[in-house]
Amino acid sequence: MDASTSSQSLSFFDFLDRMRNPASIGLVRSIKSFIVSFSFYPPNPENDGKRVQEFYLTMEAAIREHPLWTGATEEEIDCAMEALEKYVMTKLFSRTFAVSPEDTKIDHEISEKICLVQTFLKPEHLDIPAILRNEASWLLAEKELQKINTFKAPREKLSSIMNCCRVINNLLLNASMTENHVPAGADEFLPVLIYVTIKANPPQLQSNLKFIQLYRRQAKLISEPEYYFTNLVSAKSFIIDLNATSLSMDEIEFEENMQVAKSTTKVTDGACPVIQTNQTNQHGQTGCSPSKEIHGSPVTATPLQVSEYPYLEAKSDEMTLKDVDRLLTIYKEVVAKYTTLCRLINNLPTSDKEPMLRRLESQGAGVMLEREPISENKTTKEASQAKEEK
């Protein structure tokens, strides 16, 4: 955890501590009332965004006048507002993220197109000069951008974008220090960002950008954050409209590459291979990547739906270093869910447990569950003894 992340966490917990103070009961009621009121209206992103922004302004004025913040500096007020934004938008996440069918459709189209273009895109197709072709920096930028879908707070999602863009900016800065190269700002920054975005294939790109635009405090979406955010929006638009001309490629060659990519990645009838993320369970939209170079955020699936895991049929010689983090994340999630399932079953009454185990065993999980090294409770021991006597 870096210093800024640690500082954000401390500020958030400090805010929660102040909200537990009896003197804050008025603020707490206002926050809870606002969150509850959202369930009374059908989702409407534009209207919802305006309501949230107005609530931020109202609460900022209330916090400035509140006794708990008497004598507070501007930095302390800002920290309180950042914490408020995180708290409110985390609570409202399922109600506000990817709720527009149109955005969900665009998410799928972008992900599908990236899936195909990834297989043949090269830096020269975007006129990226050789001096900026740094695989290590690009990979770092990709990993930062892929984190966007693991957060629920607008600030943290925006931080993923900024961290990605700062890596690219540092790459351009280092290149400018050479004798024969003087970067031309956005003219060289944007092509690299487009290339990194295509290689990273961040899940639900449209929905994430829309979420940040609507629910990040407007006072914070300025200056450097606004510049980087706007560039990613431009990269997204470029990808949506991407064709042979935008890649300086012969149209026939472009179409041939797309057809080969479709057959390689088994993209048919506009459907992209599904790789679920921790947010797709709620919203049903995902990103995907070629089979031998998989990018994206951690996947989740129910323990018995093993066919959804991308490495199930993989061979060791097909794996790349880029797959290691993804595979480790999947492993941790599988173990966590498996352990939770075992504990739940162990706490079931005997009359319910045996049928459940038989059902799981018929689906291939029963033997694994019986090997779970969790201490048995009294009911479990009695059931085991009865089974041995039979």
Protein backbone atom coordinates (compact mmCIF):
# COMPACT_ATOMS: atom_id res chain seq x y z
CA MET A 1 0.00 0.00 0.00
CA ASP A 2 1.57 3.31 -1.07
CA ALA A 3 1.51 6.49 1.03
CA SER A 4 -1.44 8.09 -0.78
CA THR A 5 -3.56 4.95 -0.51
CA SER A 6 -2.71 4.64 3.18
CA SER A 7 -3.62 8.30 3.73
CA GLN A 8 -6.95 7.81 1.96
CA SER A 9 -7.75 4.81 4.14
CA LEU A 10 -6.92 6.68 7.35
CA SER A 11 -9.07 9.63 6.25
CA PHE A 12 -11.96 7.31 5.48
CA PHE A 13 -11.77 5.60 8.87
CA ASP A 14 -11.43 8.97 10.61
CA PHE A 15 -14.65 10.05 8.88
CA LEU A 16 -16.43 6.88 10.01
CA ASP A 17 -15.22 7.44 13.58
CA ARG A 18 -16.65 10.97 13.58
CA MET A 19 -19.94 9.64 12.20
CA ARG A 20 -20.16 7.33 15.24
CA ASN A 21 -19.98 10.34 17.54
CA PRO A 22 -23.46 11.10 19.00
CA ALA A 23 -23.01 14.71 17.91
CA SER A 24 -23.10 13.64 14.26
CA ILE A 25 -26.60 12.13 14.42
CA GLY A 26 -27.99 14.86 12.14
CA LEU A 27 -25.38 14.20 9.45
CA VAL A 28 -25.90 10.45 9.71
CA ARG A 29 -29.64 10.82 9.25
CA SER A 30 -29.14 12.99 6.18
CA ILE A 31 -26.76 10.47 4.61
CA LYS A 32 -28.97 7.46 5.33
CA SER A 33 -32.08 9.28 4.13
CA PHE A 34 -30.37 10.15 0.86
CA ILE A 35 -29.21 6.57 0.28
CA VAL A 36 -32.63 5.11 1.04
CA SER A 37 -34.39 7.63 -1.20
CA PHE A 38 -32.57 6.25 -4.26
CA SER A 39 -34.61 3.05 -4.09
CA PHE A 40 -37.79 5.06 -4.63
CA TYR A 41 -36.84 6.07 -8.17
CA PRO A 42 -36.06 4.00 -11.28
CA PRO A 43 -32.44 4.30 -12.51
CA ASN A 44 -31.79 7.39 -14.61
CA PRO A 45 -28.02 8.01 -14.82
CA GLU A 46 -28.14 11.68 -15.79
CA ASN A 47 -30.72 12.61 -13.14
CA ASP A 48 -29.02 10.39 -10.56
CA GLY A 49 -25.71 12.12 -11.24
CA LYS A 50 -27.23 15.55 -10.69
CA ARG A 51 -28.87 14.43 -7.44
CA VAL A 52 -25.58 13.04 -6.13
CA GLN A 53 -23.64 16.20 -7.06
CA GLU A 54 -26.25 18.38 -5.32
CA PHE A 55 -26.04 16.14 -2.25
CA TYR A 56 -22.25 16.57 -2.16
CA LEU A 57 -22.64 20.37 -2.11
CA THR A 58 -25.33 20.26 0.58
CA MET A 59 -23.27 17.96 2.79
CA GLU A 60 -20.09 19.99 2.33
CA ALA A 61 -21.89 23.07 3.64
CA ALA A 62 -23.29 21.05 6.57
CA ILE A 63 -19.88 19.60 7.45
CA ARG A 64 -18.22 23.03 7.37
CA GLU A 65 -20.77 24.31 9.90
CA HIS A 66 -20.75 21.22 12.11
CA PRO A 67 -19.12 21.36 15.58
CA LEU A 68 -17.08 18.21 14.87
CA TRP A 69 -15.23 20.12 12.16
CA THR A 70 -14.85 23.42 14.00
CA GLY A 71 -11.49 24.91 13.08
CA ALA A 72 -10.89 22.25 10.42
CA THR A 73 -8.51 23.10 7.59
CA GLU A 74 -9.52 22.97 3.93
CA GLU A 75 -7.54 19.74 3.62
CA GLU A 76 -9.52 18.16 6.47
CA ILE A 77 -12.83 19.25 4.93
CA ASP A 78 -11.70 17.82 1.60
CA CYS A 79 -10.76 14.51 3.28
CA ALA A 80 -14.20 14.35 4.87
CA MET A 81 -15.86 14.91 1.50
CA GLU A 82 -13.70 12.28 -0.16
CA ALA A 83 -14.72 9.83 2.55
CA LEU A 84 -18.37 10.80 2.16
CA GLU A 85 -18.20 10.21 -1.59
CA LYS A 86 -16.64 6.79 -1.07
CA TYR A 87 -19.19 5.78 1.56
CA VAL A 88 -22.25 6.94 -0.37
CA MET A 89 -21.21 5.58 -3.77
CA THR A 90 -20.15 2.23 -2.30
CA LYS A 91 -23.62 1.92 -0.79
CA LEU A 92 -25.26 2.99 -4.06
CA PHE A 93 -22.94 1.05 -6.35
CA SER A 94 -25.36 -1.67 -7.47
CA ARG A 95 -27.98 1.03 -8.06
CA THR A 96 -25.77 3.36 -10.10
CA PHE A 97 -23.10 1.31 -11.92
CA ALA A 98 -23.83 -0.08 -15.41
CA VAL A 99 -27.59 0.39 -15.06
CA SER A 100 -28.05 1.76 -18.58
CA PRO A 101 -28.76 -0.90 -21.26
CA GLU A 102 -27.09 1.36 -23.81
CA ASP A 103 -23.87 1.56 -21.77
CA THR A 104 -23.93 -2.19 -21.23
CA LYS A 105 -24.26 -2.69 -24.98
CA ILE A 106 -21.30 -0.38 -25.63
CA ASP A 107 -19.28 -2.24 -22.97
CA HIS A 108 -19.81 -5.46 -24.86
CA GLU A 109 -19.03 -3.95 -28.27
CA ILE A 110 -15.79 -2.38 -27.02
CA SER A 111 -14.67 -5.57 -25.30
CA GLU A 112 -15.49 -7.69 -28.33
CA LYS A 113 -13.68 -5.37 -30.71
CA ILE A 114 -10.62 -5.21 -28.48
CA CYS A 115 -10.66 -9.00 -28.29
CA LEU A 116 -10.22 -9.17 -32.04
CA VAL A 117 -7.84 -6.23 -32.56
CA GLN A 118 -5.51 -7.46 -29.79
CA THR A 119 -4.48 -10.41 -31.92
CA PHE A 120 -2.83 -8.38 -34.69
CA LEU A 121 -2.32 -4.81 -33.43
CA LYS A 122 1.28 -3.60 -33.42
CA PRO A 123 2.76 -0.28 -32.20
CA GLU A 124 3.53 0.78 -35.77
CA HIS A 125 -0.17 0.61 -36.63
CA LEU A 126 -0.64 3.60 -34.30
CA ASP A 127 2.55 5.33 -35.48
CA ILE A 128 4.18 4.93 -32.07
CA PRO A 129 7.91 5.73 -32.46
CA ALA A 130 10.42 3.04 -31.56
CA ILE A 131 11.81 5.06 -28.65
CA LEU A 132 8.43 4.80 -26.87
CA ARG A 133 8.07 1.04 -27.33
CA ASN A 134 8.86 -0.01 -23.79
CA GLU A 135 7.15 -3.30 -22.96
CA ALA A 136 7.88 -3.07 -19.22
CA SER A 137 6.30 0.38 -18.93
CA TRP A 138 3.36 -0.64 -21.09
CA LEU A 139 2.71 -3.72 -18.98
CA LEU A 140 2.78 -1.63 -15.79
CA ALA A 141 0.33 0.85 -17.34
CA GLU A 142 -1.94 -2.03 -18.42
CA LYS A 143 -2.01 -3.49 -14.91
CA GLU A 144 -2.96 -0.12 -13.43
CA LEU A 145 -5.80 0.35 -15.91
CA GLN A 146 -7.10 -3.17 -15.31
CA LYS A 147 -7.64 -2.30 -11.64
CA ILE A 148 -10.46 0.10 -12.53
CA ASN A 149 -13.13 -2.58 -12.24
CA THR A 150 -12.03 -3.75 -8.80
CA PHE A 151 -13.15 -0.54 -7.08
CA LYS A 152 -16.56 0.90 -6.26
CA ALA A 153 -15.64 4.47 -5.34
CA PRO A 154 -15.33 7.01 -8.19
CA ARG A 155 -12.08 8.42 -6.79
CA GLU A 156 -10.41 5.02 -6.74
CA LYS A 157 -11.57 4.21 -10.26
CA LEU A 158 -10.19 7.55 -11.43
CA SER A 159 -6.92 6.83 -9.59
CA SER A 160 -6.49 3.70 -11.71
CA ILE A 161 -6.73 5.82 -14.84
CA MET A 162 -4.33 8.42 -13.47
CA ASN A 163 -1.76 5.83 -12.41
CA CYS A 164 -1.89 4.29 -15.88
CA CYS A 165 -1.50 7.67 -17.57
CA ARG A 166 1.33 8.73 -15.27
CA VAL A 167 3.31 5.65 -16.26
CA ILE A 168 2.87 6.62 -19.91
CA ASN A 169 3.73 10.24 -19.15
CA ASN A 170 6.93 9.16 -17.42
CA LEU A 171 7.80 7.08 -20.46
CA LEU A 172 7.42 10.15 -22.69
CA LEU A 173 9.39 12.26 -20.22
CA ASN A 174 12.29 9.80 -20.23
CA ALA A 175 12.22 9.71 -24.01
CA SER A 176 12.37 13.52 -24.14
CA MET A 177 15.69 13.39 -22.31
CA THR A 178 17.37 11.65 -25.22
CA GLU A 179 19.28 13.74 -27.72
CA ASN A 180 17.23 13.00 -30.81
CA HIS A 181 13.67 12.94 -29.54
CA VAL A 182 11.34 15.67 -28.34
CA PRO A 183 7.81 14.36 -27.57
CA ALA A 184 4.90 16.41 -28.87
CA GLY A 185 2.57 16.05 -25.90
CA ALA A 186 -0.85 14.62 -26.67
CA ASP A 187 0.24 13.78 -30.22
CA GLU A 188 2.37 11.00 -28.77
CA PHE A 189 0.60 10.43 -25.47
CA LEU A 190 -2.78 9.44 -26.92
CA PRO A 191 -1.52 6.74 -29.34
CA VAL A 192 0.35 5.02 -26.51
CA LEU A 193 -2.73 5.24 -24.27
CA ILE A 194 -4.85 3.71 -27.04
CA TYR A 195 -2.36 0.86 -27.46
CA VAL A 196 -2.21 0.23 -23.68
CA THR A 197 -6.02 0.31 -23.43
CA ILE A 198 -6.38 -2.26 -26.21
CA LYS A 199 -3.78 -4.53 -24.63
CA ALA A 200 -5.34 -4.16 -21.16
CA ASN A 201 -8.95 -4.52 -22.32
CA PRO A 202 -10.34 -3.08 -19.05
CA PRO A 203 -13.77 -4.58 -18.30
CA GLN A 204 -16.85 -2.40 -18.68
CA LEU A 205 -14.88 0.58 -19.95
CA GLN A 206 -17.89 2.64 -21.00
CA SER A 207 -19.73 2.02 -17.72
CA ASN A 208 -16.66 2.87 -15.64
CA LEU A 209 -16.07 6.14 -17.50
CA LYS A 210 -19.74 7.07 -17.20
CA PHE A 211 -19.70 6.26 -13.47
CA ILE A 212 -16.68 8.50 -12.86
CA GLN A 213 -18.13 11.33 -14.94
CA LEU A 214 -21.46 11.30 -13.12
CA TYR A 215 -20.46 10.53 -9.54
CA ARG A 216 -16.95 11.87 -9.00
CA ARG A 217 -17.15 15.24 -7.24
CA GLN A 218 -17.05 17.84 -10.01
CA ALA A 219 -14.59 19.97 -8.05
CA LYS A 220 -12.13 17.08 -8.31
CA LEU A 221 -12.58 16.29 -12.00
CA ILE A 222 -10.37 19.17 -13.11
CA SER A 223 -6.76 19.87 -14.04
CA GLU A 224 -4.58 16.72 -14.29
CA PRO A 225 -7.43 14.26 -13.48
CA GLU A 226 -9.63 15.89 -16.13
CA TYR A 227 -6.81 15.77 -18.72
CA TYR A 228 -6.11 12.07 -18.20
CA PHE A 229 -9.80 11.20 -17.97
CA THR A 230 -10.54 13.07 -21.21
CA ASN A 231 -7.71 11.25 -22.96
CA LEU A 232 -9.10 7.86 -21.97
CA VAL A 233 -12.54 8.93 -23.22
CA SER A 234 -10.85 9.83 -26.52
CA ALA A 235 -9.09 6.44 -26.57
CA LYS A 236 -12.44 4.73 -26.02
CA SER A 237 -14.01 6.67 -28.90
CA PHE A 238 -11.07 5.79 -31.14
CA ILE A 239 -11.50 2.09 -30.36
CA ILE A 240 -15.24 2.18 -31.03
CA ASP A 241 -14.65 3.71 -34.48
CA LEU A 242 -11.44 1.80 -35.18
CA ASN A 243 -11.06 0.66 -38.79
CA ALA A 244 -8.42 0.14 -41.45
CA THR A 245 -7.96 3.88 -42.02
CA SER A 246 -7.39 4.68 -38.34
CA LEU A 247 -4.67 2.01 -38.23
CA SER A 248 -3.05 3.13 -41.49
CA MET A 249 -3.70 -0.37 -42.80
CA ASP A 250 -4.93 -1.68 -46.10
CA GLU A 251 -8.67 -2.35 -45.82
CA ILE A 252 -8.42 -5.88 -47.21
CA GLU A 253 -5.58 -6.71 -44.81
CA PHE A 254 -7.62 -5.29 -41.91
CA GLU A 255 -10.68 -7.39 -42.76
CA GLU A 256 -8.57 -10.51 -43.19
CA ASN A 257 -6.97 -9.96 -39.77
CA MET A 258 -10.39 -9.47 -38.20
CA GLN A 259 -11.71 -12.68 -39.77
CA VAL A 260 -8.69 -14.66 -38.57
CA ALA A 261 -9.11 -13.17 -35.10
CA LYS A 262 -12.78 -14.19 -35.04
CA SER A 263 -11.92 -17.78 -35.87
CA THR A 264 -9.03 -17.85 -33.38
CA THR A 265 -10.98 -16.40 -30.47
CA LYS A 266 -14.20 -18.15 -31.51
CA VAL A 267 -16.15 -14.92 -31.76
CA THR A 268 -19.38 -15.71 -33.58
CA ASP A 269 -22.63 -13.82 -34.08
CA GLY A 270 -21.27 -10.83 -32.22
CA ALA A 271 -20.67 -12.83 -29.03
CA CYS A 272 -17.34 -12.55 -27.27
CA PRO A 273 -16.03 -15.37 -25.03
CA VAL A 274 -17.25 -14.63 -21.51
CA ILE A 275 -14.82 -14.12 -18.65
CA GLN A 276 -16.76 -12.98 -15.60
CA THR A 277 -15.42 -10.33 -13.24
CA ASN A 278 -16.29 -9.49 -9.68
CA GLN A 279 -18.82 -6.96 -10.99
CA THR A 280 -20.27 -8.98 -13.85
CA ASN A 281 -22.32 -11.12 -11.49
CA GLN A 282 -24.46 -8.05 -10.83
CA HIS A 283 -24.45 -6.46 -14.22
CA GLY A 284 -23.85 -9.26 -16.71
CA GLN A 285 -21.12 -7.60 -18.79
CA THR A 286 -17.53 -8.66 -19.18
CA GLY A 287 -14.25 -8.14 -20.94
CA CYS A 288 -12.18 -10.78 -22.71
CA SER A 289 -8.78 -11.38 -24.22
CA PRO A 290 -7.08 -13.86 -26.53
CA SER A 291 -6.52 -17.30 -25.06
CA LYS A 292 -2.76 -16.98 -24.71
CA GLU A 293 -2.59 -13.37 -23.47
CA ILE A 294 -5.31 -12.81 -20.94
CA HIS A 295 -5.90 -9.40 -19.40
CA GLY A 296 -8.60 -8.03 -17.15
CA SER A 297 -9.73 -7.98 -13.55
CA PRO A 298 -10.16 -10.93 -11.17
CA VAL A 299 -12.76 -13.46 -12.26
CA THR A 300 -15.40 -14.99 -10.04
CA ALA A 301 -17.77 -17.87 -10.53
CA THR A 302 -19.75 -20.21 -8.38
CA PRO A 303 -17.62 -23.17 -7.23
CA LEU A 304 -19.42 -25.67 -9.43
CA GLN A 305 -19.29 -23.62 -12.62
CA VAL A 306 -15.72 -24.61 -13.36
CA SER A 307 -16.21 -24.19 -17.11
CA GLU A 308 -16.12 -20.42 -16.59
CA TYR A 309 -12.49 -20.46 -15.47
CA PRO A 310 -10.18 -19.51 -18.35
CA TYR A 311 -7.25 -21.74 -17.35
CA LEU A 312 -9.11 -25.01 -16.90
CA GLU A 313 -8.00 -26.42 -20.25
CA ALA A 314 -4.70 -24.52 -20.41
CA LYS A 315 -1.32 -26.25 -20.66
CA SER A 316 1.82 -25.08 -18.89
CA ASP A 317 3.62 -24.17 -22.11
CA GLU A 318 0.72 -21.90 -23.06
CA MET A 319 0.97 -19.80 -19.91
CA THR A 320 2.72 -16.43 -19.89
CA LEU A 321 4.07 -14.28 -17.08
CA LYS A 322 1.07 -12.00 -17.58
CA ASP A 323 -1.22 -14.85 -16.56
CA VAL A 324 0.38 -15.41 -13.14
CA ASP A 325 -1.39 -12.62 -11.22
CA ARG A 326 -4.72 -13.53 -12.79
CA LEU A 327 -4.30 -17.21 -12.00
CA LEU A 328 -3.29 -16.48 -8.39
CA THR A 329 -6.37 -14.29 -7.93
CA ILE A 330 -8.63 -17.02 -9.30
CA TYR A 331 -7.00 -19.58 -6.99
CA LYS A 332 -7.55 -17.39 -3.92
CA GLU A 333 -11.19 -16.80 -4.80
CA VAL A 334 -11.83 -20.49 -5.41
CA VAL A 335 -10.28 -21.42 -2.05
CA ALA A 336 -12.24 -18.68 -0.24
CA LYS A 337 -15.55 -19.77 -1.75
CA TYR A 338 -14.81 -23.46 -1.25
CA THR A 339 -13.97 -22.88 2.43
CA THR A 340 -17.10 -20.80 2.97
CA LEU A 341 -19.24 -23.46 1.33
CA CYS A 342 -17.75 -26.17 3.54
CA ARG A 343 -18.42 -24.21 6.69
CA LEU A 344 -21.98 -23.52 5.67
CA ILE A 345 -22.62 -27.19 4.98
CA ASN A 346 -20.98 -28.26 8.25
CA ASN A 347 -23.44 -26.04 10.11
CA LEU A 348 -26.49 -27.54 8.44
CA PRO A 349 -28.76 -29.93 10.33
CA THR A 350 -28.00 -33.59 9.56
CA SER A 351 -31.29 -33.99 7.72
CA ASP A 352 -30.30 -31.24 5.28
CA LYS A 353 -26.59 -31.98 5.09
CA GLU A 354 -26.70 -35.49 3.64
CA PRO A 355 -28.96 -34.55 0.68
CA MET A 356 -26.78 -31.51 0.02
CA LEU A 357 -23.58 -33.57 0.00
CA ARG A 358 -25.13 -36.14 -2.33
CA ARG A 359 -26.22 -33.39 -4.71
CA LEU A 360 -22.75 -31.80 -4.69
CA GLU A 361 -21.06 -35.17 -5.14
CA SER A 362 -23.18 -35.83 -8.21
CA GLN A 363 -21.79 -32.56 -9.62
CA GLY A 364 -18.20 -33.44 -8.80
CA ALA A 365 -17.67 -31.45 -5.60
CA GLY A 366 -18.79 -33.84 -2.90
CA VAL A 367 -15.48 -35.68 -2.45
CA MET A 368 -13.60 -32.39 -2.15
CA LEU A 369 -16.01 -31.12 0.47
CA GLU A 370 -15.60 -34.21 2.61
CA ARG A 371 -11.85 -33.57 2.69
CA GLU A 372 -12.20 -30.08 4.10
CA PRO A 373 -10.07 -29.94 7.30
CA ILE A 374 -12.62 -27.98 9.33
CA SER A 375 -13.24 -29.16 12.87
CA GLU A 376 -16.53 -31.00 13.06
CA ASN A 377 -19.24 -29.84 15.38
CA LYS A 378 -21.24 -32.22 17.56
CA THR A 379 -23.96 -32.74 14.97
CA THR A 380 -21.40 -33.61 12.30
CA LYS A 381 -19.68 -36.17 14.55
CA GLU A 382 -22.93 -37.83 15.40
CA ALA A 383 -23.85 -38.05 11.72
CA SER A 384 -20.46 -39.61 10.92
CA GLN A 385 -20.80 -42.19 13.71
CA ALA A 386 -24.29 -43.11 12.56
CA LYS A 387 -23.01 -43.54 9.04
CA GLU A 388 -20.17 -45.86 10.24
CA GLU A 389 -22.61 -47.99 12.27
CA LYS A 390 -24.76 -48.49 9.18
